[in-house]
Protein backbone atom coordinates (compact mmCIF):
# COMPACT_ATOMS: atom_id res chain seq x y z
CA MET A 1 25.71 16.28 -23.78
CA ASN A 2 29.13 16.61 -25.30
CA PRO A 3 31.65 17.88 -22.70
CA ASN A 4 34.25 18.68 -25.39
CA PRO A 5 32.63 20.05 -28.55
CA ALA A 6 35.06 19.99 -31.47
CA THR A 7 33.89 23.17 -33.20
CA SER A 8 32.43 26.55 -32.33
CA ALA A 9 29.17 25.51 -33.96
CA GLU A 10 28.97 22.43 -31.73
CA CYS A 11 29.70 24.67 -28.73
CA GLN A 12 26.72 26.81 -29.71
CA ILE A 13 24.42 23.77 -29.87
CA GLU A 14 25.73 22.53 -26.50
CA PHE A 15 25.13 25.99 -24.99
CA VAL A 16 21.46 25.77 -26.00
CA LYS A 17 21.15 22.29 -24.47
CA ILE A 18 22.82 23.36 -21.22
CA CYS A 19 20.61 26.45 -20.91
CA CYS A 20 17.49 24.33 -21.34
CA ASP A 21 18.73 21.79 -18.79
CA VAL A 22 19.67 24.41 -16.20
CA ALA A 23 16.43 26.35 -16.62
CA GLN A 24 14.42 23.12 -16.77
CA LEU A 25 12.50 24.77 -19.60
CA ASN A 26 12.22 24.29 -23.33
CA LEU A 27 13.92 27.46 -24.56
CA THR A 28 13.87 26.36 -28.20
CA SER A 29 11.62 29.19 -29.40
CA PHE A 30 13.81 31.78 -27.64
CA PHE A 31 16.94 30.46 -29.36
CA GLU A 32 15.14 30.18 -32.72
CA ASP A 33 13.99 33.80 -32.44
CA SER A 34 17.51 34.92 -31.54
CA GLY A 35 19.01 33.09 -34.55
CA PHE A 36 20.96 30.53 -32.52
CA LEU A 37 19.01 27.65 -34.03
CA THR A 38 19.32 28.52 -37.70
CA PRO A 39 21.07 26.25 -40.18
CA ILE A 40 24.29 27.86 -41.40
CA ASP A 41 27.36 26.86 -43.39
CA LEU A 42 29.76 29.78 -43.51
CA GLU A 43 33.47 30.47 -43.20
CA ILE A 44 33.96 33.01 -40.42
CA ASP A 45 37.16 35.05 -40.19
CA ASP A 46 37.25 36.22 -36.58
CA TYR A 47 40.50 35.55 -34.71
CA GLY A 48 41.32 33.16 -37.55
CA LYS A 49 39.28 31.42 -40.21
CA GLU A 50 36.91 28.65 -39.20
CA GLN A 51 34.11 26.85 -40.97
CA PHE A 52 30.93 27.36 -38.95
CA THR A 53 28.31 24.75 -39.79
CA ILE A 54 25.05 24.02 -38.02
CA THR A 55 22.75 21.59 -39.82
CA GLN A 56 19.02 21.16 -39.47
CA SER A 57 19.62 17.66 -38.07
CA GLN A 58 21.74 19.14 -35.26
CA ILE A 59 18.94 21.57 -34.45
CA ASP A 60 16.27 18.86 -34.44
């Protein structure tokens, strides 16, 4: 685990990992169905502009 993710996208990936660890379950399909584990590369302008990138390799 990464205690200090550098980006919001990395925080999202860490959130998924932590949820799985805490629940002691593989919640991958839940997060895939909810869109959390979908590759994305988009500039988001919400409280300031930030590049939000999640790659397939991060998901795997």
